[in-house]
PDB file of all heavy atoms in Angstrom:
ATOM      1  N   SER A   1     104.279 111.312  91.459  1.00  0.00           N
ATOM      2  CA  SER A   1     102.885 110.645  91.406  1.00  0.00           C
ATOM      3  C   SER A   1     102.865 109.314  92.167  1.00  0.00           C
ATOM      4  O   SER A   1     101.983 109.005  92.887  1.00  0.00           O
ATOM      5  CB  SER A   1     102.502 110.471  89.924  1.00  0.00           C
ATOM      6  OG  SER A   1     101.277 109.788  89.840  1.00  0.00           O
ATOM      7  N   VAL A   2     103.932 108.508  92.020  1.00  0.00           N
ATOM      8  CA  VAL A   2     104.099 107.253  92.664  1.00  0.00           C
ATOM      9  C   VAL A   2     104.133 107.396  94.157  1.00  0.00           C
ATOM     10  O   VAL A   2     103.427 106.679  94.926  1.00  0.00           O
ATOM     11  CB  VAL A   2     105.234 106.398  92.178  1.00  0.00           C
ATOM     12  CG1 VAL A   2     105.401 105.057  92.926  1.00  0.00           C
ATOM     13  CG2 VAL A   2     105.116 106.058  90.639  1.00  0.00           C
ATOM     14  N   LEU A   3     104.971 108.391  94.614  1.00  0.00           N
ATOM     15  CA  LEU A   3     105.114 108.608  96.037  1.00  0.00           C
ATOM     16  C   LEU A   3     103.871 109.129  96.674  1.00  0.00           C
ATOM     17  O   LEU A   3     103.498 108.614  97.796  1.00  0.00           O
ATOM     18  CB  LEU A   3     106.231 109.639  96.241  1.00  0.00           C
ATOM     19  CG  LEU A   3     107.719 109.210  95.954  1.00  0.00           C
ATOM     20  CD1 LEU A   3     108.601 110.387  96.032  1.00  0.00           C
ATOM     21  CD2 LEU A   3     108.185 108.148  97.076  1.00  0.00           C
ATOM     22  N   LEU A   4     103.097 109.944  95.992  1.00  0.00           N
ATOM     23  CA  LEU A   4     101.912 110.522  96.560  1.00  0.00           C
ATOM     24  C   LEU A   4     100.829 109.392  96.648  1.00  0.00           C
ATOM     25  O   LEU A   4     100.036 109.311  97.584  1.00  0.00           O
ATOM     26  CB  LEU A   4     101.389 111.625  95.677  1.00  0.00           C
ATOM     27  CG  LEU A   4     102.227 112.901  95.699  1.00  0.00           C
ATOM     28  CD1 LEU A   4     101.653 113.906  94.733  1.00  0.00           C
ATOM     29  CD2 LEU A   4     102.366 113.488  97.025  1.00  0.00           C
ATOM     30  N   THR A   5     100.840 108.494  95.704  1.00  0.00           N
ATOM     31  CA  THR A   5      99.961 107.355  95.664  1.00  0.00           C
ATOM     32  C   THR A   5     100.186 106.453  96.869  1.00  0.00           C
ATOM     33  O   THR A   5      99.311 105.988  97.599  1.00  0.00           O
ATOM     34  CB  THR A   5      99.975 106.601  94.393  1.00  0.00           C
ATOM     35  OG1 THR A   5      99.612 107.396  93.255  1.00  0.00           O
ATOM     36  CG2 THR A   5      98.966 105.358  94.396  1.00  0.00           C
ATOM     37  N   VAL A   6     101.473 106.189  97.014  1.00  0.00           N
ATOM     38  CA  VAL A   6     101.953 105.358  98.181  1.00  0.00           C
ATOM     39  C   VAL A   6     101.572 106.000  99.503  1.00  0.00           C
ATOM     40  O   VAL A   6     101.175 105.319 100.434  1.00  0.00           O
ATOM     41  CB  VAL A   6     103.479 105.096  98.105  1.00  0.00           C
ATOM     42  CG1 VAL A   6     103.903 104.505  99.355  1.00  0.00           C
ATOM     43  CG2 VAL A   6     103.779 104.233  96.925  1.00  0.00           C
ATOM     44  N   SER A   7     101.763 107.357  99.611  1.00  0.00           N
ATOM     45  CA  SER A   7     101.516 108.002 100.911  1.00  0.00           C
ATOM     46  C   SER A   7     100.063 107.846 101.343  1.00  0.00           C
ATOM     47  O   SER A   7      99.828 107.731 102.547  1.00  0.00           O
ATOM     48  CB  SER A   7     101.843 109.492 100.772  1.00  0.00           C
ATOM     49  OG  SER A   7     100.928 110.181  99.937  1.00  0.00           O
ATOM     50  N   ASP A   8      99.135 107.765 100.464  1.00  0.00           N
ATOM     51  CA  ASP A   8      97.722 107.624 100.868  1.00  0.00           C
ATOM     52  C   ASP A   8      97.461 106.269 101.471  1.00  0.00           C
ATOM     53  O   ASP A   8      96.301 106.051 102.057  1.00  0.00           O
ATOM     54  CB  ASP A   8      96.810 107.907  99.650  1.00  0.00           C
ATOM     55  CG  ASP A   8      96.491 109.388  99.533  1.00  0.00           C
ATOM     56  OD1 ASP A   8      96.789 110.172 100.402  1.00  0.00           O
ATOM     57  OD2 ASP A   8      95.963 109.763  98.442  1.00  0.00           O
ATOM     58  N   PHE A   9      98.318 105.225 101.195  1.00  0.00           N
ATOM     59  CA  PHE A   9      98.072 103.879 101.659  1.00  0.00           C
ATOM     60  C   PHE A   9      98.899 103.556 102.896  1.00  0.00           C
ATOM     61  O   PHE A   9      98.782 102.477 103.479  1.00  0.00           O
ATOM     62  CB  PHE A   9      98.394 102.918 100.570  1.00  0.00           C
ATOM     63  CG  PHE A   9      97.319 102.889  99.377  1.00  0.00           C
ATOM     64  CD1 PHE A   9      97.645 103.666  98.302  1.00  0.00           C
ATOM     65  CD2 PHE A   9      96.177 102.111  99.507  1.00  0.00           C
ATOM     66  CE1 PHE A   9      96.691 103.664  97.255  1.00  0.00           C
ATOM     67  CE2 PHE A   9      95.269 102.158  98.459  1.00  0.00           C
ATOM     68  CZ  PHE A   9      95.542 102.892  97.398  1.00  0.00           C
ATOM     69  N   ILE A  10      99.796 104.483 103.304  1.00  0.00           N
ATOM     70  CA  ILE A  10     100.489 104.277 104.456  1.00  0.00           C
ATOM     71  C   ILE A  10      99.669 104.431 105.744  1.00  0.00           C
ATOM     72  O   ILE A  10      98.983 105.413 105.891  1.00  0.00           O
ATOM     73  CB  ILE A  10     101.767 105.213 104.538  1.00  0.00           C
ATOM     74  CG1 ILE A  10     102.673 105.013 103.355  1.00  0.00           C
ATOM     75  CG2 ILE A  10     102.539 105.038 105.874  1.00  0.00           C
ATOM     76  CD1 ILE A  10     103.866 105.938 103.341  1.00  0.00           C
ATOM     77  N   LYS A  11      99.754 103.485 106.620  1.00  0.00           N
ATOM     78  CA  LYS A  11      98.913 103.571 107.862  1.00  0.00           C
ATOM     79  C   LYS A  11      99.435 104.680 108.744  1.00  0.00           C
ATOM     80  O   LYS A  11     100.671 104.903 108.846  1.00  0.00           O
ATOM     81  CB  LYS A  11      99.028 102.224 108.709  1.00  0.00           C
ATOM     82  CG  LYS A  11      98.335 101.067 107.993  1.00  0.00           C
ATOM     83  CD  LYS A  11      98.353  99.806 108.765  1.00  0.00           C
ATOM     84  CE  LYS A  11      97.690  98.657 108.142  1.00  0.00           C
ATOM     85  NZ  LYS A  11      97.779  97.417 108.940  1.00  0.00           N
ATOM     86  N   PRO A  12      98.559 105.463 109.266  1.00  0.00           N
ATOM     87  CA  PRO A  12      98.955 106.672 110.193  1.00  0.00           C
ATOM     88  C   PRO A  12      99.778 106.258 111.271  1.00  0.00           C
ATOM     89  O   PRO A  12      99.394 105.242 112.055  1.00  0.00           O
ATOM     90  CB  PRO A  12      97.698 107.332 110.540  1.00  0.00           C
ATOM     91  CG  PRO A  12      96.582 106.220 110.482  1.00  0.00           C
ATOM     92  CD  PRO A  12      97.056 105.342 109.296  1.00  0.00           C
ATOM     93  N   GLY A  13     100.850 106.911 111.612  1.00  0.00           N
ATOM     94  CA  GLY A  13     101.693 106.650 112.772  1.00  0.00           C
ATOM     95  C   GLY A  13     101.364 107.598 113.915  1.00  0.00           C
ATOM     96  O   GLY A  13     100.455 108.320 113.853  1.00  0.00           O
ATOM     97  N   LYS A  14     102.145 107.476 114.935  1.00  0.00           N
ATOM     98  CA  LYS A  14     101.883 108.278 116.148  1.00  0.00           C
ATOM     99  C   LYS A  14     103.139 109.056 116.564  1.00  0.00           C
ATOM    100  O   LYS A  14     103.072 109.703 117.633  1.00  0.00           O
ATOM    101  CB  LYS A  14     101.402 107.403 117.287  1.00  0.00           C
ATOM    102  CG  LYS A  14     100.065 106.765 117.005  1.00  0.00           C
ATOM    103  CD  LYS A  14      99.653 105.865 118.205  1.00  0.00           C
ATOM    104  CE  LYS A  14      98.307 105.078 117.885  1.00  0.00           C
ATOM    105  NZ  LYS A  14      97.825 104.338 119.146  1.00  0.00           N
ATOM    106  N   LYS A  15     104.197 108.995 115.789  1.00  0.00           N
ATOM    107  CA  LYS A  15     105.357 109.725 116.173  1.00  0.00           C
ATOM    108  C   LYS A  15     105.293 111.253 116.029  1.00  0.00           C
ATOM    109  O   LYS A  15     104.760 111.747 115.058  1.00  0.00           O
ATOM    110  CB  LYS A  15     106.630 109.262 115.303  1.00  0.00           C
ATOM    111  CG  LYS A  15     107.032 107.844 115.578  1.00  0.00           C
ATOM    112  CD  LYS A  15     108.286 107.563 114.700  1.00  0.00           C
ATOM    113  CE  LYS A  15     108.835 106.183 114.947  1.00  0.00           C
ATOM    114  NZ  LYS A  15     110.003 105.822 114.088  1.00  0.00           N
ATOM    115  N   ALA A  16     105.705 111.947 117.074  1.00  0.00           N
ATOM    116  CA  ALA A  16     105.850 113.452 117.021  1.00  0.00           C
ATOM    117  C   ALA A  16     107.229 113.794 117.585  1.00  0.00           C
ATOM    118  O   ALA A  16     108.183 113.030 117.451  1.00  0.00           O
ATOM    119  CB  ALA A  16     104.743 113.978 117.833  1.00  0.00           C
ATOM    120  N   GLU A  17     107.410 114.973 118.167  1.00  0.00           N
ATOM    121  CA  GLU A  17     108.738 115.323 118.636  1.00  0.00           C
ATOM    122  C   GLU A  17     109.425 114.351 119.520  1.00  0.00           C
ATOM    123  O   GLU A  17     110.585 114.061 119.482  1.00  0.00           O
ATOM    124  CB  GLU A  17     108.612 116.759 119.335  1.00  0.00           C
ATOM    125  CG  GLU A  17     108.155 117.859 118.457  1.00  0.00           C
ATOM    126  CD  GLU A  17     106.594 118.065 118.622  1.00  0.00           C
ATOM    127  OE1 GLU A  17     105.880 117.078 118.833  1.00  0.00           O
ATOM    128  OE2 GLU A  17     106.169 119.282 118.493  1.00  0.00           O
ATOM    129  N   LYS A  18     108.634 113.869 120.503  1.00  0.00           N
ATOM    130  CA  LYS A  18     109.171 112.998 121.625  1.00  0.00           C
ATOM    131  C   LYS A  18     109.526 111.635 121.095  1.00  0.00           C
ATOM    132  O   LYS A  18     110.582 110.959 121.471  1.00  0.00           O
ATOM    133  CB  LYS A  18     108.215 112.851 122.766  1.00  0.00           C
ATOM    134  CG  LYS A  18     108.068 114.154 123.478  1.00  0.00           C
ATOM    135  CD  LYS A  18     107.098 113.882 124.756  1.00  0.00           C
ATOM    136  CE  LYS A  18     106.916 115.213 125.563  1.00  0.00           C
ATOM    137  NZ  LYS A  18     106.023 114.983 126.736  1.00  0.00           N
ATOM    138  N   GLU A  19     108.768 111.104 120.126  1.00  0.00           N
ATOM    139  CA  GLU A  19     108.973 109.741 119.716  1.00  0.00           C
ATOM    140  C   GLU A  19     109.920 109.564 118.463  1.00  0.00           C
ATOM    141  O   GLU A  19     110.491 108.574 118.290  1.00  0.00           O
ATOM    142  CB  GLU A  19     107.603 109.054 119.328  1.00  0.00           C
ATOM    143  CG  GLU A  19     106.649 108.980 120.478  1.00  0.00           C
ATOM    144  CD  GLU A  19     105.882 110.257 120.709  1.00  0.00           C
ATOM    145  OE1 GLU A  19     105.964 111.166 119.854  1.00  0.00           O
ATOM    146  OE2 GLU A  19     105.230 110.447 121.768  1.00  0.00           O
ATOM    147  N   ALA A  20     109.985 110.610 117.643  1.00  0.00           N
ATOM    148  CA  ALA A  20     110.831 110.533 116.455  1.00  0.00           C
ATOM    149  C   ALA A  20     112.274 110.376 116.778  1.00  0.00           C
ATOM    150  O   ALA A  20     112.812 110.817 117.737  1.00  0.00           O
ATOM    151  CB  ALA A  20     110.727 111.799 115.683  1.00  0.00           C
ATOM    152  N   THR A  21     112.940 109.501 116.060  1.00  0.00           N
ATOM    153  CA  THR A  21     114.349 109.231 116.351  1.00  0.00           C
ATOM    154  C   THR A  21     115.292 110.024 115.387  1.00  0.00           C
ATOM    155  O   THR A  21     114.828 110.547 114.353  1.00  0.00           O
ATOM    156  CB  THR A  21     114.678 107.756 116.131  1.00  0.00           C
ATOM    157  OG1 THR A  21     114.533 107.430 114.703  1.00  0.00           O
ATOM    158  CG2 THR A  21     113.744 106.882 116.976  1.00  0.00           C
ATOM    159  N   PHE A  22     116.548 110.059 115.760  1.00  0.00           N
ATOM    160  CA  PHE A  22     117.503 110.802 114.855  1.00  0.00           C
ATOM    161  C   PHE A  22     117.826 109.983 113.623  1.00  0.00           C
ATOM    162  O   PHE A  22     118.175 110.684 112.597  1.00  0.00           O
ATOM    163  CB  PHE A  22     118.864 111.064 115.664  1.00  0.00           C
ATOM    164  CG  PHE A  22     118.630 111.922 116.854  1.00  0.00           C
ATOM    165  CD1 PHE A  22     118.877 111.553 118.132  1.00  0.00           C
ATOM    166  CD2 PHE A  22     118.134 113.265 116.677  1.00  0.00           C
ATOM    167  CE1 PHE A  22     118.677 112.343 119.211  1.00  0.00           C
ATOM    168  CE2 PHE A  22     117.963 114.100 117.704  1.00  0.00           C
ATOM    169  CZ  PHE A  22     118.213 113.716 119.041  1.00  0.00           C
ATOM    170  N   LYS A  23     117.519 108.746 113.561  1.00  0.00           N
ATOM    171  CA  LYS A  23     117.671 107.932 112.411  1.00  0.00           C
ATOM    172  C   LYS A  23     116.535 108.425 111.423  1.00  0.00           C
ATOM    173  O   LYS A  23     116.739 108.536 110.218  1.00  0.00           O
ATOM    174  CB  LYS A  23     117.558 106.412 112.705  1.00  0.00           C
ATOM    175  CG  LYS A  23     117.640 105.534 111.405  1.00  0.00           C
ATOM    176  CD  LYS A  23     117.511 104.084 111.806  1.00  0.00           C
ATOM    177  CE  LYS A  23     117.449 103.231 110.585  1.00  0.00           C
ATOM    178  NZ  LYS A  23     117.340 101.851 110.933  1.00  0.00           N
ATOM    179  N   ASP A  24     115.339 108.510 111.981  1.00  0.00           N
ATOM    180  CA  ASP A  24     114.231 109.014 111.185  1.00  0.00           C
ATOM    181  C   ASP A  24     114.632 110.364 110.525  1.00  0.00           C
ATOM    182  O   ASP A  24     114.402 110.527 109.363  1.00  0.00           O
ATOM    183  CB  ASP A  24     112.974 109.273 112.049  1.00  0.00           C
ATOM    184  CG  ASP A  24     112.470 107.960 112.701  1.00  0.00           C
ATOM    185  OD1 ASP A  24     112.646 106.871 112.077  1.00  0.00           O
ATOM    186  OD2 ASP A  24     111.777 108.099 113.748  1.00  0.00           O
ATOM    187  N   ALA A  25     115.131 111.286 111.368  1.00  0.00           N
ATOM    188  CA  ALA A  25     115.425 112.597 110.853  1.00  0.00           C
ATOM    189  C   ALA A  25     116.520 112.524 109.794  1.00  0.00           C
ATOM    190  O   ALA A  25     116.423 113.266 108.718  1.00  0.00           O
ATOM    191  CB  ALA A  25     115.940 113.469 112.003  1.00  0.00           C
ATOM    192  N   GLY A  26     117.477 111.676 109.909  1.00  0.00           N
ATOM    193  CA  GLY A  26     118.566 111.573 108.887  1.00  0.00           C
ATOM    194  C   GLY A  26     118.008 111.044 107.547  1.00  0.00           C
ATOM    195  O   GLY A  26     118.318 111.562 106.460  1.00  0.00           O
ATOM    196  N   LEU A  27     117.098 110.030 107.603  1.00  0.00           N
ATOM    197  CA  LEU A  27     116.507 109.461 106.387  1.00  0.00           C
ATOM    198  C   LEU A  27     115.611 110.426 105.760  1.00  0.00           C
ATOM    199  O   LEU A  27     115.545 110.597 104.507  1.00  0.00           O
ATOM    200  CB  LEU A  27     115.709 108.215 106.717  1.00  0.00           C
ATOM    201  CG  LEU A  27     116.619 106.974 107.123  1.00  0.00           C
ATOM    202  CD1 LEU A  27     115.820 105.836 107.620  1.00  0.00           C
ATOM    203  CD2 LEU A  27     117.532 106.559 106.007  1.00  0.00           C
ATOM    204  N   ILE A  28     114.831 111.201 106.520  1.00  0.00           N
ATOM    205  CA  ILE A  28     113.993 112.293 105.983  1.00  0.00           C
ATOM    206  C   ILE A  28     114.833 113.325 105.285  1.00  0.00           C
ATOM    207  O   ILE A  28     114.425 113.883 104.223  1.00  0.00           O
ATOM    208  CB  ILE A  28     113.083 112.840 107.017  1.00  0.00           C
ATOM    209  CG1 ILE A  28     112.024 111.722 107.491  1.00  0.00           C
ATOM    210  CG2 ILE A  28     112.228 113.964 106.381  1.00  0.00           C
ATOM    211  CD1 ILE A  28     111.330 111.978 108.720  1.00  0.00           C
ATOM    212  N   GLY A  29     115.897 113.714 105.946  1.00  0.00           N
ATOM    213  CA  GLY A  29     116.786 114.714 105.313  1.00  0.00           C
ATOM    214  C   GLY A  29     117.424 114.183 103.984  1.00  0.00           C
ATOM    215  O   GLY A  29     117.597 114.961 103.077  1.00  0.00           O
ATOM    216  N   LEU A  30     117.718 112.907 103.995  1.00  0.00           N
ATOM    217  CA  LEU A  30     118.268 112.299 102.777  1.00  0.00           C
ATOM    218  C   LEU A  30     117.215 112.438 101.608  1.00  0.00           C
ATOM    219  O   LEU A  30     117.545 112.743 100.488  1.00  0.00           O
ATOM    220  CB  LEU A  30     118.590 110.855 102.976  1.00  0.00           C
ATOM    221  CG  LEU A  30     119.161 109.997 101.877  1.00  0.00           C
ATOM    222  CD1 LEU A  30     120.556 110.596 101.451  1.00  0.00           C
ATOM    223  CD2 LEU A  30     119.328 108.564 102.282  1.00  0.00           C
ATOM    224  N   ALA A  31     115.925 112.137 102.007  1.00  0.00           N
ATOM    225  CA  ALA A  31     114.848 112.299 100.954  1.00  0.00           C
ATOM    226  C   ALA A  31     114.757 113.761 100.479  1.00  0.00           C
ATOM    227  O   ALA A  31     114.471 113.990  99.266  1.00  0.00           O
ATOM    228  CB  ALA A  31     113.508 111.869 101.672  1.00  0.00           C
ATOM    229  N   GLN A  32     114.929 114.628 101.420  1.00  0.00           N
ATOM    230  CA  GLN A  32     114.793 116.087 100.999  1.00  0.00           C
ATOM    231  C   GLN A  32     115.911 116.426 100.057  1.00  0.00           C
ATOM    232  O   GLN A  32     115.694 117.208  99.064  1.00  0.00           O
ATOM    233  CB  GLN A  32     114.837 116.979 102.252  1.00  0.00           C
ATOM    234  CG  GLN A  32     114.822 118.463 101.882  1.00  0.00           C
ATOM    235  CD  GLN A  32     114.623 119.424 103.147  1.00  0.00           C
ATOM    236  OE1 GLN A  32     113.626 120.124 103.271  1.00  0.00           O
ATOM    237  NE2 GLN A  32     115.653 119.372 103.987  1.00  0.00           N
ATOM    238  N   GLY A  33     117.111 115.930 100.292  1.00  0.00           N
ATOM    239  CA  GLY A  33     118.264 116.165  99.432  1.00  0.00           C
ATOM    240  C   GLY A  33     118.033 115.667  98.056  1.00  0.00           C
ATOM    241  O   GLY A  33     118.250 116.346  97.060  1.00  0.00           O
ATOM    242  N   ILE A  34     117.552 114.430  97.964  1.00  0.00           N
ATOM    243  CA  ILE A  34     117.172 113.857  96.624  1.00  0.00           C
ATOM    244  C   ILE A  34     116.106 114.594  95.883  1.00  0.00           C
ATOM    245  O   ILE A  34     116.091 114.758  94.693  1.00  0.00           O
ATOM    246  CB  ILE A  34     116.736 112.378  96.806  1.00  0.00           C
ATOM    247  CG1 ILE A  34     117.892 111.578  97.376  1.00  0.00           C
ATOM    248  CG2 ILE A  34     116.305 111.753  95.547  1.00  0.00           C
ATOM    249  CD1 ILE A  34     117.585 110.191  97.726  1.00  0.00           C
ATOM    250  N   ALA A  35     115.205 115.190  96.715  1.00  0.00           N
ATOM    251  CA  ALA A  35     114.045 115.950  96.089  1.00  0.00           C
ATOM    252  C   ALA A  35     114.424 117.298  95.483  1.00  0.00           C
ATOM    253  O   ALA A  35     113.582 118.020  94.909  1.00  0.00           O
ATOM    254  CB  ALA A  35     112.992 116.279  97.157  1.00  0.00           C
ATOM    255  N   ILE A  36     115.771 117.607  95.570  1.00  0.00           N
ATOM    256  CA  ILE A  36     116.308 118.809  94.841  1.00  0.00           C
ATOM    257  C   ILE A  36     116.128 118.579  93.290  1.00  0.00           C
ATOM    258  O   ILE A  36     116.055 119.543  92.596  1.00  0.00           O
ATOM    259  CB  ILE A  36     117.733 119.147  95.178  1.00  0.00           C
ATOM    260  CG1 ILE A  36     117.868 119.407  96.707  1.00  0.00           C
ATOM    261  CG2 ILE A  36     118.277 120.267  94.431  1.00  0.00           C
ATOM    262  CD1 ILE A  36     119.228 119.597  97.239  1.00  0.00           C
ATOM    263  N   LEU A  37     116.108 117.346  92.900  1.00  0.00           N
ATOM    264  CA  LEU A  37     115.847 117.006  91.528  1.00  0.00           C
ATOM    265  C   LEU A  37     114.693 117.679  90.953  1.00  0.00           C
ATOM    266  O   LEU A  37     113.630 117.578  91.591  1.00  0.00           O
ATOM    267  CB  LEU A  37     115.794 115.588  91.234  1.00  0.00           C
ATOM    268  CG  LEU A  37     117.032 114.746  91.135  1.00  0.00           C
ATOM    269  CD1 LEU A  37     116.826 113.252  91.296  1.00  0.00           C
ATOM    270  CD2 LEU A  37     117.807 114.989  89.876  1.00  0.00           C
ATOM    271  N   PRO A  38     114.645 118.416  89.785  1.00  0.00           N
ATOM    272  CA  PRO A  38     113.496 119.081  89.270  1.00  0.00           C
ATOM    273  C   PRO A  38     112.421 118.091  88.922  1.00  0.00           C
ATOM    274  O   PRO A  38     112.622 117.094  88.221  1.00  0.00           O
ATOM    275  CB  PRO A  38     114.048 119.786  88.051  1.00  0.00           C
ATOM    276  CG  PRO A  38     115.302 119.005  87.637  1.00  0.00           C
ATOM    277  CD  PRO A  38     115.900 118.456  88.854  1.00  0.00           C
ATOM    278  N   GLY A  39     111.208 118.361  89.484  1.00  0.00           N
ATOM    279  CA  GLY A  39     110.109 117.476  89.109  1.00  0.00           C
ATOM    280  C   GLY A  39     109.773 116.589  90.335  1.00  0.00           C
ATOM    281  O   GLY A  39     108.730 116.076  90.441  1.00  0.00           O
ATOM    282  N   LEU A  40     110.749 116.437  91.227  1.00  0.00           N
ATOM    283  CA  LEU A  40     110.522 115.558  92.367  1.00  0.00           C
ATOM    284  C   LEU A  40     110.084 116.509  93.498  1.00  0.00           C
ATOM    285  O   LEU A  40     110.922 117.295  94.011  1.00  0.00           O
ATOM    286  CB  LEU A  40     111.778 114.826  92.751  1.00  0.00           C
ATOM    287  CG  LEU A  40     111.673 113.598  93.758  1.00  0.00           C
ATOM    288  CD1 LEU A  40     110.655 112.613  93.127  1.00  0.00           C
ATOM    289  CD2 LEU A  40     112.946 112.974  93.977  1.00  0.00           C
ATOM    290  N   SER A  41     108.852 116.473  93.880  1.00  0.00           N
ATOM    291  CA  SER A  41     108.223 117.427  94.893  1.00  0.00           C
ATOM    292  C   SER A  41     108.965 117.289  96.242  1.00  0.00           C
ATOM    293  O   SER A  41     108.970 116.171  96.781  1.00  0.00           O
ATOM    294  CB  SER A  41     106.764 117.167  95.018  1.00  0.00           C
ATOM    295  OG  SER A  41     106.288 117.833  96.144  1.00  0.00           O
ATOM    296  N   ARG A  42     109.475 118.387  96.731  1.00  0.00           N
ATOM    297  CA  ARG A  42     110.128 118.350  97.950  1.00  0.00           C
ATOM    298  C   ARG A  42     109.074 117.995  99.080  1.00  0.00           C
ATOM    299  O   ARG A  42     109.364 117.121 100.018  1.00  0.00           O
ATOM    300  CB  ARG A  42     110.782 119.678  98.377  1.00  0.00           C
ATOM    301  CG  ARG A  42     111.696 119.677  99.598  1.00  0.00           C
ATOM    302  CD  ARG A  42     111.780 121.045 100.262  1.00  0.00           C
ATOM    303  NE  ARG A  42     110.525 121.376 100.806  1.00  0.00           N
ATOM    304  CZ  ARG A  42     110.119 120.957 101.998  1.00  0.00           C
ATOM    305  NH1 ARG A  42     110.882 120.118 102.711  1.00  0.00           N
ATOM    306  NH2 ARG A  42     108.950 121.322 102.438  1.00  0.00           N
ATOM    307  N   SER A  43     107.972 118.683  99.084  1.00  0.00           N
ATOM    308  CA  SER A  43     106.954 118.505 100.102  1.00  0.00           C
ATOM    309  C   SER A  43     106.359 117.040 100.055  1.00  0.00           C
ATOM    310  O   SER A  43     106.193 116.375 101.005  1.00  0.00           O
ATOM    311  CB  SER A  43     105.826 119.551 100.117  1.00  0.00           C
ATOM    312  OG  SER A  43     105.231 119.454  98.873  1.00  0.00           O
TER     313      SER A  43
END
């Protein structure tokens, strides 16, 4: 619930395939790993 509330206040970015960095990808993968916890929405 907290994460979803925060997401609505994040200013929209412009990164897509070309602009995204491998650091971004690693951190997002880390978030996905933590989201295996039951109740923490993966999406």
